[in-house]
Amino acid sequence: MVILRRLIAVVFAGFVGLMLYVTFPAWSSLFASTPTAFTPDNWLGAHKYRRDAMAVDFLDRHLYTGMHREALIELLGKPDHQAPGMLVYFVAITAADYMALAFEFDGEGRVTKAYLKQT
């Protein structure tokens, strides 16, 4: 009986540890502070899943029509995902998915569309 109780305690502790590990991005954000104003230093210094407020500020105050792809990468750093004509930066994590800042480009590498999206 003692062995069974110890086994149950070990399994339960392992389960709790696994749940804490898996949910770390969500619950750890409760204790973190991230700047909301976009600057290249703030962006690069922030955790990649805590940039949603800076992404909104970037879209509202720093992105201009026709910005070139290289200028964007210079400001935001290496994207998390690239596809032909598109760059994606992850900015937040939710309970079910991710929020991303996405940019679409024309044939000359200039921004034609920028938006936040759930992935």
N, C-alpha and C. Protein backbone atom coordinates (compact mmCIF):
# COMPACT_ATOMS: atom_id res chain seq x y z
N MET A 1 0.82 -1.20 0.00
CA MET A 1 0.00 0.00 0.00
C MET A 1 0.87 1.27 0.00
N VAL A 2 1.98 1.24 0.76
CA VAL A 2 2.88 2.38 0.82
C VAL A 2 3.51 2.63 -0.54
N ILE A 3 3.88 1.56 -1.22
CA ILE A 3 4.49 1.71 -2.55
C ILE A 3 3.49 2.34 -3.53
N LEU A 4 2.25 1.92 -3.47
CA LEU A 4 1.22 2.47 -4.35
C LEU A 4 1.02 3.96 -4.09
N ARG A 5 1.01 4.37 -2.81
CA ARG A 5 0.87 5.80 -2.48
C ARG A 5 2.04 6.61 -3.01
N ARG A 6 3.25 6.06 -2.86
CA ARG A 6 4.44 6.76 -3.37
C ARG A 6 4.40 6.87 -4.89
N LEU A 7 3.98 5.79 -5.54
CA LEU A 7 3.87 5.80 -7.00
C LEU A 7 2.86 6.85 -7.46
N ILE A 8 1.73 6.91 -6.78
CA ILE A 8 0.71 7.91 -7.11
C ILE A 8 1.26 9.31 -6.89
N ALA A 9 1.99 9.52 -5.81
CA ALA A 9 2.57 10.84 -5.52
C ALA A 9 3.59 11.23 -6.58
N VAL A 10 4.40 10.29 -7.02
CA VAL A 10 5.41 10.58 -8.04
C VAL A 10 4.73 10.89 -9.38
N VAL A 11 3.74 10.11 -9.75
CA VAL A 11 3.02 10.35 -11.00
C VAL A 11 2.32 11.71 -10.95
N PHE A 12 1.68 12.02 -9.83
CA PHE A 12 1.00 13.30 -9.70
C PHE A 12 1.99 14.47 -9.79
N ALA A 13 3.13 14.35 -9.10
CA ALA A 13 4.14 15.41 -9.15
C ALA A 13 4.67 15.57 -10.57
N GLY A 14 4.87 14.49 -11.27
CA GLY A 14 5.32 14.56 -12.66
C GLY A 14 4.28 15.23 -13.55
N PHE A 15 3.02 14.93 -13.33
CA PHE A 15 1.94 15.55 -14.10
C PHE A 15 1.89 17.05 -13.84
N VAL A 16 1.97 17.45 -12.59
CA VAL A 16 1.95 18.88 -12.24
C VAL A 16 3.15 19.58 -12.87
N GLY A 17 4.32 18.96 -12.79
CA GLY A 17 5.51 19.55 -13.41
C GLY A 17 5.35 19.71 -14.91
N LEU A 18 4.80 18.70 -15.56
CA LEU A 18 4.57 18.77 -17.00
C LEU A 18 3.59 19.88 -17.34
N MET A 19 2.53 20.01 -16.58
CA MET A 19 1.54 21.07 -16.85
C MET A 19 2.15 22.46 -16.66
N LEU A 20 2.97 22.63 -15.64
CA LEU A 20 3.64 23.92 -15.44
C LEU A 20 4.58 24.23 -16.59
N TYR A 21 5.29 23.23 -17.07
CA TYR A 21 6.21 23.42 -18.18
C TYR A 21 5.47 23.78 -19.46
N VAL A 22 4.40 23.07 -19.76
CA VAL A 22 3.65 23.29 -21.00
C VAL A 22 2.96 24.65 -21.00
N THR A 23 2.47 25.08 -19.86
CA THR A 23 1.73 26.34 -19.79
C THR A 23 2.60 27.52 -19.39
N PHE A 24 3.91 27.34 -19.31
CA PHE A 24 4.82 28.40 -18.87
C PHE A 24 4.63 29.72 -19.61
N PRO A 25 4.56 29.75 -20.96
CA PRO A 25 4.42 31.04 -21.64
C PRO A 25 3.18 31.82 -21.18
N ALA A 26 2.09 31.12 -20.92
CA ALA A 26 0.86 31.81 -20.52
C ALA A 26 0.94 32.35 -19.10
N TRP A 27 1.31 31.52 -18.12
CA TRP A 27 1.29 32.00 -16.75
C TRP A 27 2.48 32.87 -16.40
N SER A 28 3.61 32.68 -17.07
CA SER A 28 4.77 33.52 -16.73
C SER A 28 4.56 34.96 -17.17
N SER A 29 3.71 35.18 -18.16
CA SER A 29 3.46 36.55 -18.63
C SER A 29 2.76 37.39 -17.57
N LEU A 30 2.12 36.75 -16.60
CA LEU A 30 1.47 37.49 -15.53
C LEU A 30 2.47 38.25 -14.66
N PHE A 31 3.72 37.77 -14.65
CA PHE A 31 4.74 38.35 -13.78
C PHE A 31 5.78 39.18 -14.52
N ALA A 32 5.63 39.28 -15.82
CA ALA A 32 6.62 39.98 -16.64
C ALA A 32 6.10 41.37 -17.01
N SER A 33 7.02 42.25 -17.24
CA SER A 33 6.68 43.60 -17.68
C SER A 33 7.37 43.84 -19.01
N THR A 34 6.61 44.25 -20.00
CA THR A 34 7.15 44.49 -21.33
C THR A 34 6.77 45.89 -21.77
N PRO A 35 7.68 46.64 -22.36
CA PRO A 35 7.34 47.98 -22.85
C PRO A 35 6.25 47.90 -23.91
N THR A 36 5.45 48.95 -23.99
CA THR A 36 4.39 48.98 -25.01
C THR A 36 4.78 49.84 -26.21
N ALA A 37 5.71 50.76 -26.03
CA ALA A 37 6.15 51.63 -27.13
C ALA A 37 7.19 50.91 -27.96
N PHE A 38 7.00 50.95 -29.28
CA PHE A 38 7.97 50.31 -30.16
C PHE A 38 9.23 51.15 -30.29
N THR A 39 10.36 50.51 -30.07
CA THR A 39 11.67 50.98 -30.50
C THR A 39 12.40 49.70 -30.91
N PRO A 40 13.37 49.78 -31.79
CA PRO A 40 14.09 48.57 -32.14
C PRO A 40 14.70 47.87 -30.91
N ASP A 41 15.21 48.64 -29.96
CA ASP A 41 15.80 48.04 -28.75
C ASP A 41 14.75 47.35 -27.89
N ASN A 42 13.59 48.00 -27.71
CA ASN A 42 12.51 47.38 -26.94
C ASN A 42 12.06 46.08 -27.61
N TRP A 43 11.91 46.13 -28.93
CA TRP A 43 11.44 44.96 -29.69
C TRP A 43 12.41 43.79 -29.56
N LEU A 44 13.67 44.06 -29.81
CA LEU A 44 14.66 42.99 -29.78
C LEU A 44 14.94 42.49 -28.36
N GLY A 45 14.71 43.35 -27.37
CA GLY A 45 14.95 42.96 -25.98
C GLY A 45 13.79 42.26 -25.31
N ALA A 46 12.61 42.29 -25.93
CA ALA A 46 11.42 41.69 -25.32
C ALA A 46 11.31 40.22 -25.70
N HIS A 47 10.63 39.47 -24.85
CA HIS A 47 10.34 38.08 -25.17
C HIS A 47 9.42 38.07 -26.39
N LYS A 48 9.66 37.16 -27.32
CA LYS A 48 8.93 37.20 -28.59
C LYS A 48 7.43 36.98 -28.44
N TYR A 49 6.98 36.43 -27.32
CA TYR A 49 5.54 36.26 -27.13
C TYR A 49 4.94 37.34 -26.24
N ARG A 50 5.67 38.45 -26.06
CA ARG A 50 5.18 39.57 -25.25
C ARG A 50 5.30 40.88 -26.02
N ARG A 51 5.16 40.82 -27.33
CA ARG A 51 5.36 42.01 -28.16
C ARG A 51 4.07 42.55 -28.76
N ASP A 52 2.92 42.07 -28.34
CA ASP A 52 1.68 42.47 -28.99
C ASP A 52 1.40 43.96 -28.91
N ALA A 53 1.63 44.58 -27.75
CA ALA A 53 1.40 46.03 -27.63
C ALA A 53 2.38 46.81 -28.50
N MET A 54 3.63 46.36 -28.55
CA MET A 54 4.61 47.03 -29.42
C MET A 54 4.24 46.86 -30.89
N ALA A 55 3.67 45.71 -31.25
CA ALA A 55 3.26 45.48 -32.64
C ALA A 55 2.18 46.47 -33.04
N VAL A 56 1.24 46.72 -32.15
CA VAL A 56 0.18 47.70 -32.43
C VAL A 56 0.79 49.09 -32.58
N ASP A 57 1.69 49.45 -31.68
CA ASP A 57 2.37 50.75 -31.77
C ASP A 57 3.16 50.86 -33.08
N PHE A 58 3.84 49.78 -33.46
CA PHE A 58 4.59 49.80 -34.72
C PHE A 58 3.67 50.04 -35.91
N LEU A 59 2.55 49.34 -35.96
CA LEU A 59 1.61 49.51 -37.07
C LEU A 59 1.03 50.92 -37.09
N ASP A 60 0.73 51.45 -35.91
CA ASP A 60 0.10 52.78 -35.83
C ASP A 60 1.06 53.94 -36.09
N ARG A 61 2.32 53.82 -35.63
CA ARG A 61 3.19 54.99 -35.65
C ARG A 61 4.50 54.85 -36.41
N HIS A 62 4.90 53.64 -36.80
CA HIS A 62 6.24 53.49 -37.38
C HIS A 62 6.25 52.92 -38.80
N LEU A 63 5.25 52.16 -39.16
CA LEU A 63 5.20 51.58 -40.50
C LEU A 63 4.68 52.63 -41.47
N TYR A 64 5.33 52.77 -42.60
CA TYR A 64 4.84 53.69 -43.61
C TYR A 64 4.57 52.94 -44.91
N THR A 65 3.68 53.46 -45.68
CA THR A 65 3.32 52.85 -46.95
C THR A 65 4.54 52.73 -47.85
N GLY A 66 4.76 51.55 -48.37
CA GLY A 66 5.89 51.34 -49.27
C GLY A 66 7.20 51.04 -48.59
N MET A 67 7.19 50.82 -47.27
CA MET A 67 8.44 50.49 -46.57
C MET A 67 9.04 49.24 -47.23
N HIS A 68 10.34 49.25 -47.41
CA HIS A 68 11.01 48.14 -48.07
C HIS A 68 11.28 47.00 -47.09
N ARG A 69 11.29 45.81 -47.60
CA ARG A 69 11.50 44.58 -46.82
C ARG A 69 12.78 44.66 -45.97
N GLU A 70 13.87 45.14 -46.56
CA GLU A 70 15.13 45.22 -45.81
C GLU A 70 15.05 46.22 -44.66
N ALA A 71 14.36 47.33 -44.86
CA ALA A 71 14.19 48.32 -43.79
C ALA A 71 13.38 47.72 -42.65
N LEU A 72 12.38 46.92 -42.98
CA LEU A 72 11.56 46.26 -41.98
C LEU A 72 12.39 45.26 -41.17
N ILE A 73 13.20 44.47 -41.84
CA ILE A 73 14.05 43.50 -41.15
C ILE A 73 15.10 44.21 -40.30
N GLU A 74 15.58 45.35 -40.76
CA GLU A 74 16.53 46.12 -39.96
C GLU A 74 15.90 46.59 -38.65
N LEU A 75 14.62 46.96 -38.68
CA LEU A 75 13.92 47.41 -37.48
C LEU A 75 13.51 46.26 -36.56
N LEU A 76 12.98 45.18 -37.15
CA LEU A 76 12.37 44.11 -36.36
C LEU A 76 13.25 42.87 -36.18
N GLY A 77 14.34 42.79 -36.92
CA GLY A 77 15.20 41.62 -36.83
C GLY A 77 14.70 40.49 -37.73
N LYS A 78 15.31 39.34 -37.57
CA LYS A 78 14.98 38.18 -38.39
C LYS A 78 13.54 37.72 -38.09
N PRO A 79 12.74 37.50 -39.14
CA PRO A 79 11.35 37.06 -38.91
C PRO A 79 11.29 35.62 -38.40
N ASP A 80 10.17 35.29 -37.77
CA ASP A 80 9.96 33.93 -37.28
C ASP A 80 9.55 32.99 -38.41
N HIS A 81 8.96 33.55 -39.45
CA HIS A 81 8.53 32.75 -40.60
C HIS A 81 8.63 33.62 -41.85
N GLN A 82 9.09 33.02 -42.95
CA GLN A 82 9.17 33.71 -44.23
C GLN A 82 8.53 32.84 -45.30
N ALA A 83 7.88 33.48 -46.21
CA ALA A 83 7.35 32.83 -47.40
C ALA A 83 7.54 33.83 -48.53
N PRO A 84 7.46 33.40 -49.78
CA PRO A 84 7.59 34.37 -50.87
C PRO A 84 6.54 35.48 -50.71
N GLY A 85 7.02 36.71 -50.64
CA GLY A 85 6.13 37.85 -50.51
C GLY A 85 5.54 38.06 -49.13
N MET A 86 6.09 37.41 -48.09
CA MET A 86 5.51 37.55 -46.75
C MET A 86 6.56 37.34 -45.66
N LEU A 87 6.45 38.14 -44.58
CA LEU A 87 7.24 37.96 -43.35
C LEU A 87 6.26 37.88 -42.19
N VAL A 88 6.59 37.04 -41.20
CA VAL A 88 5.73 36.88 -40.03
C VAL A 88 6.59 36.91 -38.77
N TYR A 89 6.13 37.70 -37.79
CA TYR A 89 6.77 37.79 -36.48
C TYR A 89 5.74 37.38 -35.42
N PHE A 90 6.04 36.39 -34.59
CA PHE A 90 5.13 36.03 -33.52
C PHE A 90 5.22 37.10 -32.44
N VAL A 91 4.06 37.52 -31.91
CA VAL A 91 4.05 38.60 -30.93
C VAL A 91 3.35 38.26 -29.62
N ALA A 92 2.55 37.20 -29.59
CA ALA A 92 1.84 36.82 -28.36
C ALA A 92 1.41 35.37 -28.46
N ILE A 93 1.17 34.80 -27.31
CA ILE A 93 0.63 33.44 -27.24
C ILE A 93 -0.66 33.51 -26.45
N THR A 94 -1.66 32.80 -26.93
CA THR A 94 -2.94 32.73 -26.24
C THR A 94 -3.14 31.29 -25.76
N ALA A 95 -4.28 31.03 -25.16
CA ALA A 95 -4.54 29.68 -24.67
C ALA A 95 -4.58 28.66 -25.79
N ALA A 96 -4.99 29.08 -26.99
CA ALA A 96 -5.19 28.12 -28.08
C ALA A 96 -4.23 28.28 -29.25
N ASP A 97 -3.66 29.46 -29.42
CA ASP A 97 -2.83 29.68 -30.61
C ASP A 97 -1.89 30.86 -30.39
N TYR A 98 -1.39 31.38 -31.49
CA TYR A 98 -0.43 32.49 -31.45
C TYR A 98 -1.01 33.71 -32.15
N MET A 99 -0.52 34.88 -31.77
CA MET A 99 -0.83 36.10 -32.50
C MET A 99 0.45 36.49 -33.24
N ALA A 100 0.29 36.89 -34.49
CA ALA A 100 1.46 37.21 -35.31
C ALA A 100 1.28 38.55 -36.01
N LEU A 101 2.38 39.22 -36.23
CA LEU A 101 2.44 40.44 -37.02
C LEU A 101 2.91 40.02 -38.41
N ALA A 102 2.06 40.22 -39.41
CA ALA A 102 2.36 39.74 -40.75
C ALA A 102 2.49 40.90 -41.73
N PHE A 103 3.39 40.74 -42.68
CA PHE A 103 3.62 41.74 -43.72
C PHE A 103 3.59 41.05 -45.07
N GLU A 104 2.90 41.67 -46.02
CA GLU A 104 2.89 41.18 -47.40
C GLU A 104 3.58 42.23 -48.27
N PHE A 105 4.26 41.75 -49.32
CA PHE A 105 5.08 42.61 -50.16
C PHE A 105 4.70 42.49 -51.63
N ASP A 106 4.98 43.57 -52.37
CA ASP A 106 4.80 43.51 -53.83
C ASP A 106 6.07 42.92 -54.46
N GLY A 107 6.12 42.89 -55.77
CA GLY A 107 7.26 42.33 -56.49
C GLY A 107 8.55 43.08 -56.28
N GLU A 108 8.49 44.33 -55.85
CA GLU A 108 9.69 45.13 -55.60
C GLU A 108 10.12 45.08 -54.13
N GLY A 109 9.44 44.27 -53.32
CA GLY A 109 9.81 44.14 -51.91
C GLY A 109 9.30 45.24 -51.02
N ARG A 110 8.23 45.91 -51.43
CA ARG A 110 7.65 46.98 -50.62
C ARG A 110 6.37 46.49 -49.94
N VAL A 111 6.16 46.91 -48.70
CA VAL A 111 4.99 46.48 -47.93
C VAL A 111 3.71 46.94 -48.63
N THR A 112 2.81 46.00 -48.85
CA THR A 112 1.49 46.32 -49.40
C THR A 112 0.40 46.12 -48.37
N LYS A 113 0.68 45.28 -47.37
CA LYS A 113 -0.32 44.99 -46.34
C LYS A 113 0.40 44.57 -45.07
N ALA A 114 -0.08 45.07 -43.92
CA ALA A 114 0.48 44.71 -42.62
C ALA A 114 -0.68 44.55 -41.65
N TYR A 115 -0.64 43.49 -40.84
CA TYR A 115 -1.77 43.21 -39.97
C TYR A 115 -1.38 42.23 -38.87
N LEU A 116 -2.19 42.23 -37.80
CA LEU A 116 -2.06 41.22 -36.75
C LEU A 116 -3.03 40.10 -37.07
N LYS A 117 -2.59 38.87 -36.87
CA LYS A 117 -3.47 37.73 -37.15
C LYS A 117 -3.28 36.63 -36.13
N GLN A 118 -4.35 35.87 -35.91
CA GLN A 118 -4.29 34.67 -35.07
C GLN A 118 -3.83 33.53 -35.94
N THR A 119 -2.92 32.70 -35.44
CA THR A 119 -2.45 31.56 -36.23
C THR A 119 -2.76 30.26 -35.51
